[in-house]
Amino acid sequence: YVNIGATAFGRITHLYVKEGDHVKKGATLATLENVQPTSIVA
C-alpha cells in the first residue's frame, strides 16, 4: 500500500475517486491546477 502524495504545488481541481473505489493501474485519480505549467510548455 502507498500514500500518494502531492508532486506539485497547487489547488485540487478535480477528484475522480472516493474511498472504497477499485482502480486500475494508470487511472487518473486527481488533477491540480496547471495554468503555469501549460503556459511554460506552450
PDB file of all heavy atoms in Angstrom:
ATOM      1  N   TYR A   1       0.854  -1.187   0.000  1.00  0.00           N
ATOM      2  CA  TYR A   1       0.000   0.000   0.000  1.00  0.00           C
ATOM      3  C   TYR A   1       0.893   1.240   0.000  1.00  0.00           C
ATOM      4  O   TYR A   1       2.012   1.218   0.520  1.00  0.00           O
ATOM      5  CB  TYR A   1      -0.960   0.008   1.191  1.00  0.00           C
ATOM      6  CG  TYR A   1      -0.297   0.122   2.536  1.00  0.00           C
ATOM      7  CD1 TYR A   1      -0.141   1.354   3.166  1.00  0.00           C
ATOM      8  CD2 TYR A   1       0.171  -1.006   3.200  1.00  0.00           C
ATOM      9  CE1 TYR A   1       0.462   1.458   4.396  1.00  0.00           C
ATOM     10  CE2 TYR A   1       0.764  -0.908   4.438  1.00  0.00           C
ATOM     11  CZ  TYR A   1       0.904   0.322   5.039  1.00  0.00           C
ATOM     12  OH  TYR A   1       1.508   0.418   6.270  1.00  0.00           O
ATOM     13  N   VAL A   2       0.399   2.304  -0.642  1.00  0.00           N
ATOM     14  CA  VAL A   2       1.190   3.527  -0.759  1.00  0.00           C
ATOM     15  C   VAL A   2       0.324   4.733  -0.415  1.00  0.00           C
ATOM     16  O   VAL A   2      -0.891   4.739  -0.667  1.00  0.00           O
ATOM     17  CB  VAL A   2       1.760   3.709  -2.187  1.00  0.00           C
ATOM     18  CG1 VAL A   2       2.760   2.646  -2.513  1.00  0.00           C
ATOM     19  CG2 VAL A   2       0.655   3.716  -3.221  1.00  0.00           C
ATOM     20  N   ASN A   3       0.965   5.718   0.160  1.00  0.00           N
ATOM     21  CA  ASN A   3       0.346   7.020   0.360  1.00  0.00           C
ATOM     22  C   ASN A   3       0.726   7.898  -0.827  1.00  0.00           C
ATOM     23  O   ASN A   3       1.899   8.236  -1.008  1.00  0.00           O
ATOM     24  CB  ASN A   3       0.814   7.661   1.669  1.00  0.00           C
ATOM     25  CG  ASN A   3       0.293   6.935   2.884  1.00  0.00           C
ATOM     26  OD1 ASN A   3      -0.836   6.466   2.908  1.00  0.00           O
ATOM     27  ND2 ASN A   3       1.125   6.820   3.907  1.00  0.00           N
ATOM     28  N   ILE A   4      -0.242   8.218  -1.651  1.00  0.00           N
ATOM     29  CA  ILE A   4       0.019   9.020  -2.848  1.00  0.00           C
ATOM     30  C   ILE A   4       0.052  10.484  -2.435  1.00  0.00           C
ATOM     31  O   ILE A   4      -0.973  11.053  -2.039  1.00  0.00           O
ATOM     32  CB  ILE A   4      -1.052   8.770  -3.917  1.00  0.00           C
ATOM     33  CG1 ILE A   4      -1.035   7.304  -4.323  1.00  0.00           C
ATOM     34  CG2 ILE A   4      -0.823   9.669  -5.126  1.00  0.00           C
ATOM     35  CD1 ILE A   4      -2.098   6.921  -5.308  1.00  0.00           C
ATOM     36  N   GLY A   5       1.240  11.076  -2.495  1.00  0.00           N
ATOM     37  CA  GLY A   5       1.409  12.447  -2.057  1.00  0.00           C
ATOM     38  C   GLY A   5       1.378  13.434  -3.209  1.00  0.00           C
ATOM     39  O   GLY A   5       1.349  13.065  -4.393  1.00  0.00           O
ATOM     40  N   ALA A   6       1.393  14.704  -2.858  1.00  0.00           N
ATOM     41  CA  ALA A   6       1.385  15.769  -3.862  1.00  0.00           C
ATOM     42  C   ALA A   6       2.759  15.856  -4.525  1.00  0.00           C
ATOM     43  O   ALA A   6       3.781  15.882  -3.853  1.00  0.00           O
ATOM     44  CB  ALA A   6       1.022  17.092  -3.217  1.00  0.00           C
ATOM     45  N   THR A   7       2.777  15.890  -5.859  1.00  0.00           N
ATOM     46  CA  THR A   7       4.025  16.038  -6.604  1.00  0.00           C
ATOM     47  C   THR A   7       4.157  17.440  -7.205  1.00  0.00           C
ATOM     48  O   THR A   7       5.141  17.721  -7.880  1.00  0.00           O
ATOM     49  CB  THR A   7       4.101  14.998  -7.728  1.00  0.00           C
ATOM     50  OG1 THR A   7       2.918  15.083  -8.530  1.00  0.00           O
ATOM     51  CG2 THR A   7       4.209  13.595  -7.152  1.00  0.00           C
ATOM     52  N   ALA A   8       3.156  18.272  -6.986  1.00  0.00           N
ATOM     53  CA  ALA A   8       3.197  19.651  -7.474  1.00  0.00           C
ATOM     54  C   ALA A   8       2.408  20.530  -6.506  1.00  0.00           C
ATOM     55  O   ALA A   8       1.535  20.055  -5.782  1.00  0.00           O
ATOM     56  CB  ALA A   8       2.621  19.753  -8.886  1.00  0.00           C
ATOM     57  N   PHE A   9       2.757  21.809  -6.511  1.00  0.00           N
ATOM     58  CA  PHE A   9       2.044  22.772  -5.673  1.00  0.00           C
ATOM     59  C   PHE A   9       0.840  23.315  -6.453  1.00  0.00           C
ATOM     60  O   PHE A   9       0.957  23.696  -7.613  1.00  0.00           O
ATOM     61  CB  PHE A   9       2.978  23.921  -5.287  1.00  0.00           C
ATOM     62  CG  PHE A   9       2.303  24.998  -4.488  1.00  0.00           C
ATOM     63  CD1 PHE A   9       2.162  24.881  -3.120  1.00  0.00           C
ATOM     64  CD2 PHE A   9       1.805  26.136  -5.114  1.00  0.00           C
ATOM     65  CE1 PHE A   9       1.543  25.874  -2.379  1.00  0.00           C
ATOM     66  CE2 PHE A   9       1.177  27.133  -4.394  1.00  0.00           C
ATOM     67  CZ  PHE A   9       1.051  26.997  -3.012  1.00  0.00           C
ATOM     68  N   GLY A  10      -0.302  23.314  -5.807  1.00  0.00           N
ATOM     69  CA  GLY A  10      -1.468  23.854  -6.485  1.00  0.00           C
ATOM     70  C   GLY A  10      -2.770  23.423  -5.845  1.00  0.00           C
ATOM     71  O   GLY A  10      -2.791  22.622  -4.896  1.00  0.00           O
ATOM     72  N   ARG A  11      -3.849  23.950  -6.370  1.00  0.00           N
ATOM     73  CA  ARG A  11      -5.187  23.660  -5.860  1.00  0.00           C
ATOM     74  C   ARG A  11      -5.765  22.456  -6.593  1.00  0.00           C
ATOM     75  O   ARG A  11      -5.575  22.285  -7.795  1.00  0.00           O
ATOM     76  CB  ARG A  11      -6.071  24.890  -6.054  1.00  0.00           C
ATOM     77  CG  ARG A  11      -7.494  24.744  -5.531  1.00  0.00           C
ATOM     78  CD  ARG A  11      -8.227  26.082  -5.694  1.00  0.00           C
ATOM     79  NE  ARG A  11      -8.157  26.537  -7.083  1.00  0.00           N
ATOM     80  CZ  ARG A  11      -9.012  26.136  -8.028  1.00  0.00           C
ATOM     81  NH1 ARG A  11      -9.981  25.282  -7.741  1.00  0.00           N
ATOM     82  NH2 ARG A  11      -8.900  26.602  -9.247  1.00  0.00           N
ATOM     83  N   ILE A  12      -6.463  21.590  -5.855  1.00  0.00           N
ATOM     84  CA  ILE A  12      -7.107  20.422  -6.454  1.00  0.00           C
ATOM     85  C   ILE A  12      -8.294  20.893  -7.290  1.00  0.00           C
ATOM     86  O   ILE A  12      -9.206  21.542  -6.772  1.00  0.00           O
ATOM     87  CB  ILE A  12      -7.579  19.433  -5.378  1.00  0.00           C
ATOM     88  CG1 ILE A  12      -6.405  18.954  -4.521  1.00  0.00           C
ATOM     89  CG2 ILE A  12      -8.283  18.244  -6.008  1.00  0.00           C
ATOM     90  CD1 ILE A  12      -6.808  18.095  -3.362  1.00  0.00           C
ATOM     91  N   THR A  13      -8.262  20.574  -8.579  1.00  0.00           N
ATOM     92  CA  THR A  13      -9.366  20.970  -9.461  1.00  0.00           C
ATOM     93  C   THR A  13     -10.417  19.876  -9.605  1.00  0.00           C
ATOM     94  O   THR A  13     -11.585  20.170  -9.849  1.00  0.00           O
ATOM     95  CB  THR A  13      -8.828  21.350 -10.847  1.00  0.00           C
ATOM     96  OG1 THR A  13      -8.102  20.227 -11.385  1.00  0.00           O
ATOM     97  CG2 THR A  13      -7.900  22.546 -10.753  1.00  0.00           C
ATOM     98  N   HIS A  14      -9.983  18.615  -9.433  1.00  0.00           N
ATOM     99  CA  HIS A  14     -10.969  17.537  -9.555  1.00  0.00           C
ATOM    100  C   HIS A  14     -10.445  16.266  -8.898  1.00  0.00           C
ATOM    101  O   HIS A  14      -9.269  15.920  -9.023  1.00  0.00           O
ATOM    102  CB  HIS A  14     -11.280  17.258 -11.025  1.00  0.00           C
ATOM    103  CG  HIS A  14     -12.532  16.445 -11.219  1.00  0.00           C
ATOM    104  ND1 HIS A  14     -13.786  16.995 -11.111  1.00  0.00           N
ATOM    105  CD2 HIS A  14     -12.715  15.129 -11.477  1.00  0.00           C
ATOM    106  CE1 HIS A  14     -14.696  16.047 -11.309  1.00  0.00           C
ATOM    107  NE2 HIS A  14     -14.064  14.905 -11.535  1.00  0.00           N
ATOM    108  N   LEU A  15     -11.332  15.582  -8.161  1.00  0.00           N
ATOM    109  CA  LEU A  15     -11.058  14.258  -7.606  1.00  0.00           C
ATOM    110  C   LEU A  15     -11.926  13.253  -8.355  1.00  0.00           C
ATOM    111  O   LEU A  15     -13.149  13.406  -8.412  1.00  0.00           O
ATOM    112  CB  LEU A  15     -11.372  14.208  -6.108  1.00  0.00           C
ATOM    113  CG  LEU A  15     -10.358  14.851  -5.162  1.00  0.00           C
ATOM    114  CD1 LEU A  15     -10.909  14.872  -3.744  1.00  0.00           C
ATOM    115  CD2 LEU A  15      -9.041  14.085  -5.189  1.00  0.00           C
ATOM    116  N   TYR A  16     -11.293  12.224  -8.890  1.00  0.00           N
ATOM    117  CA  TYR A  16     -12.020  11.259  -9.711  1.00  0.00           C
ATOM    118  C   TYR A  16     -12.426  10.000  -8.947  1.00  0.00           C
ATOM    119  O   TYR A  16     -13.137   9.160  -9.497  1.00  0.00           O
ATOM    120  CB  TYR A  16     -11.168  10.857 -10.920  1.00  0.00           C
ATOM    121  CG  TYR A  16     -10.930  12.000 -11.878  1.00  0.00           C
ATOM    122  CD1 TYR A  16      -9.803  12.807 -11.757  1.00  0.00           C
ATOM    123  CD2 TYR A  16     -11.844  12.274 -12.890  1.00  0.00           C
ATOM    124  CE1 TYR A  16      -9.583  13.867 -12.635  1.00  0.00           C
ATOM    125  CE2 TYR A  16     -11.629  13.322 -13.773  1.00  0.00           C
ATOM    126  CZ  TYR A  16     -10.496  14.114 -13.637  1.00  0.00           C
ATOM    127  OH  TYR A  16     -10.282  15.162 -14.499  1.00  0.00           O
ATOM    128  N   VAL A  17     -11.954   9.834  -7.710  1.00  0.00           N
ATOM    129  CA  VAL A  17     -12.261   8.623  -6.944  1.00  0.00           C
ATOM    130  C   VAL A  17     -12.703   9.004  -5.546  1.00  0.00           C
ATOM    131  O   VAL A  17     -12.516  10.147  -5.090  1.00  0.00           O
ATOM    132  CB  VAL A  17     -11.039   7.686  -6.866  1.00  0.00           C
ATOM    133  CG1 VAL A  17     -10.662   7.177  -8.242  1.00  0.00           C
ATOM    134  CG2 VAL A  17      -9.857   8.396  -6.201  1.00  0.00           C
ATOM    135  N   LYS A  18     -13.258   8.022  -4.857  1.00  0.00           N
ATOM    136  CA  LYS A  18     -13.635   8.181  -3.458  1.00  0.00           C
ATOM    137  C   LYS A  18     -13.224   6.917  -2.709  1.00  0.00           C
ATOM    138  O   LYS A  18     -12.833   5.914  -3.316  1.00  0.00           O
ATOM    139  CB  LYS A  18     -15.139   8.431  -3.313  1.00  0.00           C
ATOM    140  CG  LYS A  18     -16.022   7.327  -3.869  1.00  0.00           C
ATOM    141  CD  LYS A  18     -17.480   7.695  -3.741  1.00  0.00           C
ATOM    142  CE  LYS A  18     -18.393   6.570  -4.230  1.00  0.00           C
ATOM    143  NZ  LYS A  18     -18.181   6.243  -5.644  1.00  0.00           N
ATOM    144  N   GLU A  19     -13.305   6.960  -1.382  1.00  0.00           N
ATOM    145  CA  GLU A  19     -12.920   5.800  -0.575  1.00  0.00           C
ATOM    146  C   GLU A  19     -13.764   4.590  -0.946  1.00  0.00           C
ATOM    147  O   GLU A  19     -14.981   4.683  -1.088  1.00  0.00           O
ATOM    148  CB  GLU A  19     -13.078   6.120   0.906  1.00  0.00           C
ATOM    149  CG  GLU A  19     -12.081   7.141   1.416  1.00  0.00           C
ATOM    150  CD  GLU A  19     -12.188   7.341   2.918  1.00  0.00           C
ATOM    151  OE1 GLU A  19     -12.809   6.488   3.581  1.00  0.00           O
ATOM    152  OE2 GLU A  19     -11.666   8.343   3.424  1.00  0.00           O
ATOM    153  N   GLY A  20     -13.077   3.452  -1.082  1.00  0.00           N
ATOM    154  CA  GLY A  20     -13.772   2.212  -1.423  1.00  0.00           C
ATOM    155  C   GLY A  20     -13.778   1.893  -2.894  1.00  0.00           C
ATOM    156  O   GLY A  20     -14.179   0.789  -3.285  1.00  0.00           O
ATOM    157  N   ASP A  21     -13.330   2.823  -3.748  1.00  0.00           N
ATOM    158  CA  ASP A  21     -13.315   2.573  -5.190  1.00  0.00           C
ATOM    159  C   ASP A  21     -12.146   1.662  -5.562  1.00  0.00           C
ATOM    160  O   ASP A  21     -11.044   1.769  -5.005  1.00  0.00           O
ATOM    161  CB  ASP A  21     -13.187   3.881  -5.966  1.00  0.00           C
ATOM    162  CG  ASP A  21     -14.478   4.679  -5.970  1.00  0.00           C
ATOM    163  OD1 ASP A  21     -15.500   4.136  -5.505  1.00  0.00           O
ATOM    164  OD2 ASP A  21     -14.462   5.836  -6.413  1.00  0.00           O
ATOM    165  N   HIS A  22     -12.389   0.765  -6.522  1.00  0.00           N
ATOM    166  CA  HIS A  22     -11.322  -0.049  -7.101  1.00  0.00           C
ATOM    167  C   HIS A  22     -10.834   0.648  -8.373  1.00  0.00           C
ATOM    168  O   HIS A  22     -11.643   1.054  -9.210  1.00  0.00           O
ATOM    169  CB  HIS A  22     -11.830  -1.449  -7.428  1.00  0.00           C
ATOM    170  CG  HIS A  22     -12.109  -2.287  -6.225  1.00  0.00           C
ATOM    171  ND1 HIS A  22     -11.158  -3.103  -5.637  1.00  0.00           N
ATOM    172  CD2 HIS A  22     -13.233  -2.423  -5.472  1.00  0.00           C
ATOM    173  CE1 HIS A  22     -11.689  -3.703  -4.590  1.00  0.00           C
ATOM    174  NE2 HIS A  22     -12.944  -3.321  -4.466  1.00  0.00           N
ATOM    175  N   VAL A  23      -9.544   0.795  -8.505  1.00  0.00           N
ATOM    176  CA  VAL A  23      -8.970   1.498  -9.655  1.00  0.00           C
ATOM    177  C   VAL A  23      -7.954   0.600 -10.355  1.00  0.00           C
ATOM    178  O   VAL A  23      -7.374  -0.303  -9.750  1.00  0.00           O
ATOM    179  CB  VAL A  23      -8.294   2.818  -9.227  1.00  0.00           C
ATOM    180  CG1 VAL A  23      -9.306   3.777  -8.640  1.00  0.00           C
ATOM    181  CG2 VAL A  23      -7.173   2.556  -8.219  1.00  0.00           C
ATOM    182  N   LYS A  24      -7.752   0.864 -11.652  1.00  0.00           N
ATOM    183  CA  LYS A  24      -6.769   0.150 -12.443  1.00  0.00           C
ATOM    184  C   LYS A  24      -5.479   0.953 -12.545  1.00  0.00           C
ATOM    185  O   LYS A  24      -5.476   2.179 -12.367  1.00  0.00           O
ATOM    186  CB  LYS A  24      -7.322  -0.116 -13.852  1.00  0.00           C
ATOM    187  CG  LYS A  24      -8.527  -1.040 -13.885  1.00  0.00           C
ATOM    188  CD  LYS A  24      -8.160  -2.449 -13.481  1.00  0.00           C
ATOM    189  CE  LYS A  24      -9.337  -3.391 -13.611  1.00  0.00           C
ATOM    190  NZ  LYS A  24      -8.973  -4.786 -13.209  1.00  0.00           N
ATOM    191  N   LYS A  25      -4.396   0.257 -12.837  1.00  0.00           N
ATOM    192  CA  LYS A  25      -3.103   0.916 -12.984  1.00  0.00           C
ATOM    193  C   LYS A  25      -3.171   1.965 -14.082  1.00  0.00           C
ATOM    194  O   LYS A  25      -3.664   1.701 -15.180  1.00  0.00           O
ATOM    195  CB  LYS A  25      -2.027  -0.114 -13.300  1.00  0.00           C
ATOM    196  CG  LYS A  25      -0.641   0.481 -13.459  1.00  0.00           C
ATOM    197  CD  LYS A  25       0.383  -0.600 -13.743  1.00  0.00           C
ATOM    198  CE  LYS A  25       1.769   0.007 -13.903  1.00  0.00           C
ATOM    199  NZ  LYS A  25       2.794  -1.027 -14.189  1.00  0.00           N
ATOM    200  N   GLY A  26      -2.691   3.181 -13.790  1.00  0.00           N
ATOM    201  CA  GLY A  26      -2.668   4.262 -14.762  1.00  0.00           C
ATOM    202  C   GLY A  26      -3.917   5.124 -14.763  1.00  0.00           C
ATOM    203  O   GLY A  26      -3.942   6.154 -15.442  1.00  0.00           O
ATOM    204  N   ALA A  27      -4.947   4.734 -14.001  1.00  0.00           N
ATOM    205  CA  ALA A  27      -6.178   5.526 -13.965  1.00  0.00           C
ATOM    206  C   ALA A  27      -5.909   6.869 -13.291  1.00  0.00           C
ATOM    207  O   ALA A  27      -5.133   6.972 -12.341  1.00  0.00           O
ATOM    208  CB  ALA A  27      -7.268   4.769 -13.213  1.00  0.00           C
ATOM    209  N   THR A  28      -6.555   7.932 -13.792  1.00  0.00           N
ATOM    210  CA  THR A  28      -6.397   9.267 -13.221  1.00  0.00           C
ATOM    211  C   THR A  28      -7.156   9.351 -11.893  1.00  0.00           C
ATOM    212  O   THR A  28      -8.345   9.053 -11.833  1.00  0.00           O
ATOM    213  CB  THR A  28      -6.914  10.339 -14.186  1.00  0.00           C
ATOM    214  OG1 THR A  28      -6.192  10.255 -15.413  1.00  0.00           O
ATOM    215  CG2 THR A  28      -6.742  11.726 -13.591  1.00  0.00           C
ATOM    216  N   LEU A  29      -6.438   9.747 -10.851  1.00  0.00           N
ATOM    217  CA  LEU A  29      -7.034   9.852  -9.520  1.00  0.00           C
ATOM    218  C   LEU A  29      -7.453  11.278  -9.185  1.00  0.00           C
ATOM    219  O   LEU A  29      -8.510  11.505  -8.598  1.00  0.00           O
ATOM    220  CB  LEU A  29      -6.045   9.346  -8.466  1.00  0.00           C
ATOM    221  CG  LEU A  29      -5.509   7.925  -8.664  1.00  0.00           C
ATOM    222  CD1 LEU A  29      -4.466   7.600  -7.606  1.00  0.00           C
ATOM    223  CD2 LEU A  29      -6.638   6.916  -8.617  1.00  0.00           C
ATOM    224  N   ALA A  30      -6.626  12.255  -9.555  1.00  0.00           N
ATOM    225  CA  ALA A  30      -6.916  13.655  -9.233  1.00  0.00           C
ATOM    226  C   ALA A  30      -6.094  14.548 -10.141  1.00  0.00           C
ATOM    227  O   ALA A  30      -5.075  14.131 -10.714  1.00  0.00           O
ATOM    228  CB  ALA A  30      -6.608  13.949  -7.767  1.00  0.00           C
ATOM    229  N   THR A  31      -6.550  15.813 -10.299  1.00  0.00           N
ATOM    230  CA  THR A  31      -5.813  16.797 -11.078  1.00  0.00           C
ATOM    231  C   THR A  31      -5.677  18.084 -10.271  1.00  0.00           C
ATOM    232  O   THR A  31      -6.572  18.449  -9.512  1.00  0.00           O
ATOM    233  CB  THR A  31      -6.522  17.112 -12.409  1.00  0.00           C
ATOM    234  OG1 THR A  31      -7.865  17.536 -12.133  1.00  0.00           O
ATOM    235  CG2 THR A  31      -6.541  15.899 -13.308  1.00  0.00           C
ATOM    236  N   LEU A  32      -4.527  18.760 -10.462  1.00  0.00           N
ATOM    237  CA  LEU A  32      -4.268  20.054  -9.823  1.00  0.00           C
ATOM    238  C   LEU A  32      -4.294  21.142 -10.897  1.00  0.00           C
ATOM    239  O   LEU A  32      -4.191  20.866 -12.102  1.00  0.00           O
ATOM    240  CB  LEU A  32      -2.911  20.047  -9.119  1.00  0.00           C
ATOM    241  CG  LEU A  32      -2.662  18.957  -8.078  1.00  0.00           C
ATOM    242  CD1 LEU A  32      -1.274  19.127  -7.469  1.00  0.00           C
ATOM    243  CD2 LEU A  32      -3.722  18.974  -6.992  1.00  0.00           C
ATOM    244  N   GLU A  33      -4.427  22.383 -10.454  1.00  0.00           N
ATOM    245  CA  GLU A  33      -4.420  23.491 -11.416  1.00  0.00           C
ATOM    246  C   GLU A  33      -3.083  23.506 -12.153  1.00  0.00           C
ATOM    247  O   GLU A  33      -2.016  23.332 -11.554  1.00  0.00           O
ATOM    248  CB  GLU A  33      -4.660  24.815 -10.703  1.00  0.00           C
ATOM    249  CG  GLU A  33      -3.673  25.136  -9.595  1.00  0.00           C
ATOM    250  CD  GLU A  33      -4.021  26.430  -8.883  1.00  0.00           C
ATOM    251  OE1 GLU A  33      -4.997  27.062  -9.271  1.00  0.00           O
ATOM    252  OE2 GLU A  33      -3.312  26.783  -7.928  1.00  0.00           O
ATOM    253  N   ASN A  34      -3.148  23.752 -13.494  1.00  0.00           N
ATOM    254  CA  ASN A  34      -1.950  23.615 -14.321  1.00  0.00           C
ATOM    255  C   ASN A  34      -1.773  24.771 -15.301  1.00  0.00           C
ATOM    256  O   ASN A  34      -1.219  24.596 -16.387  1.00  0.00           O
ATOM    257  CB  ASN A  34      -2.013  22.299 -15.100  1.00  0.00           C
ATOM    258  CG  ASN A  34      -3.276  22.201 -15.945  1.00  0.00           C
ATOM    259  OD1 ASN A  34      -4.051  23.149 -16.031  1.00  0.00           O
ATOM    260  ND2 ASN A  34      -3.473  21.047 -16.576  1.00  0.00           N
ATOM    261  N   VAL A  35      -2.244  25.973 -14.948  1.00  0.00           N
ATOM    262  CA  VAL A  35      -2.150  27.119 -15.854  1.00  0.00           C
ATOM    263  C   VAL A  35      -0.697  27.459 -16.145  1.00  0.00           C
ATOM    264  O   VAL A  35      -0.286  27.598 -17.312  1.00  0.00           O
ATOM    265  CB  VAL A  35      -2.887  28.337 -15.264  1.00  0.00           C
ATOM    266  CG1 VAL A  35      -2.698  29.550 -16.166  1.00  0.00           C
ATOM    267  CG2 VAL A  35      -4.361  28.024 -15.076  1.00  0.00           C
ATOM    268  N   GLN A  36       0.118  27.585 -15.110  1.00  0.00           N
ATOM    269  CA  GLN A  36       1.509  27.968 -15.312  1.00  0.00           C
ATOM    270  C   GLN A  36       2.303  26.889 -16.041  1.00  0.00           C
ATOM    271  O   GLN A  36       3.010  27.204 -17.019  1.00  0.00           O
ATOM    272  CB  GLN A  36       2.159  28.295 -13.965  1.00  0.00           C
ATOM    273  CG  GLN A  36       3.598  28.790 -14.094  1.00  0.00           C
ATOM    274  CD  GLN A  36       4.179  29.213 -12.757  1.00  0.00           C
ATOM    275  OE1 GLN A  36       3.481  29.189 -11.736  1.00  0.00           O
ATOM    276  NE2 GLN A  36       5.438  29.586 -12.753  1.00  0.00           N
ATOM    277  N   PRO A  37       2.220  25.604 -15.642  1.00  0.00           N
ATOM    278  CA  PRO A  37       2.964  24.581 -16.405  1.00  0.00           C
ATOM    279  C   PRO A  37       2.528  24.508 -17.859  1.00  0.00           C
ATOM    280  O   PRO A  37       3.359  24.314 -18.755  1.00  0.00           O
ATOM    281  CB  PRO A  37       2.646  23.278 -15.655  1.00  0.00           C
ATOM    282  CG  PRO A  37       2.268  23.700 -14.283  1.00  0.00           C
ATOM    283  CD  PRO A  37       1.597  25.016 -14.444  1.00  0.00           C
ATOM    284  N   THR A  38       1.235  24.707 -18.137  1.00  0.00           N
ATOM    285  CA  THR A  38       0.755  24.654 -19.524  1.00  0.00           C
ATOM    286  C   THR A  38       1.320  25.804 -20.344  1.00  0.00           C
ATOM    287  O   THR A  38       1.735  25.631 -21.498  1.00  0.00           O
ATOM    288  CB  THR A  38      -0.781  24.695 -19.541  1.00  0.00           C
ATOM    289  OG1 THR A  38      -1.295  23.594 -18.789  1.00  0.00           O
ATOM    290  CG2 THR A  38      -1.303  24.616 -20.966  1.00  0.00           C
ATOM    291  N   SER A  39       1.360  27.014 -19.764  1.00  0.00           N
ATOM    292  CA  SER A  39       1.900  28.170 -20.488  1.00  0.00           C
ATOM    293  C   SER A  39       3.398  28.010 -20.733  1.00  0.00           C
ATOM    294  O   SER A  39       3.904  28.390 -21.801  1.00  0.00           O
ATOM    295  CB  SER A  39       1.633  29.453 -19.700  1.00  0.00           C
ATOM    296  OG  SER A  39       2.277  29.412 -18.436  1.00  0.00           O
ATOM    297  N   ILE A  40       4.111  27.420 -19.788  1.00  0.00           N
ATOM    298  CA  ILE A  40       5.552  27.196 -19.980  1.00  0.00           C
ATOM    299  C   ILE A  40       5.783  26.209 -21.111  1.00  0.00           C
ATOM    300  O   ILE A  40       6.681  26.393 -21.954  1.00  0.00           O
ATOM    301  CB  ILE A  40       6.189  26.702 -18.670  1.00  0.00           C
ATOM    302  CG1 ILE A  40       6.157  27.802 -17.602  1.00  0.00           C
ATOM    303  CG2 ILE A  40       7.616  26.232 -18.904  1.00  0.00           C
ATOM    304  CD1 ILE A  40       6.669  27.372 -16.245  1.00  0.00           C
ATOM    305  N   VAL A  41       4.969  25.160 -21.168  1.00  0.00           N
ATOM    306  CA  VAL A  41       5.090  24.185 -22.245  1.00  0.00           C
ATOM    307  C   VAL A  41       4.809  24.843 -23.601  1.00  0.00           C
ATOM    308  O   VAL A  41       5.536  24.618 -24.582  1.00  0.00           O
ATOM    309  CB  VAL A  41       4.112  23.007 -22.004  1.00  0.00           C
ATOM    310  CG1 VAL A  41       4.000  22.136 -23.257  1.00  0.00           C
ATOM    311  CG2 VAL A  41       4.588  22.157 -20.831  1.00  0.00           C
ATOM    312  N   ALA A  42       3.768  25.684 -23.658  1.00  0.00           N
ATOM    313  CA  ALA A  42       3.436  26.352 -24.915  1.00  0.00           C
ATOM    314  C   ALA A  42       4.550  27.293 -25.357  1.00  0.00           C
ATOM    315  O   ALA A  42       4.910  27.346 -26.549  1.00  0.00           O
ATOM    316  CB  ALA A  42       2.121  27.119 -24.765  1.00  0.00           C
TER     317      ALA A  42
END
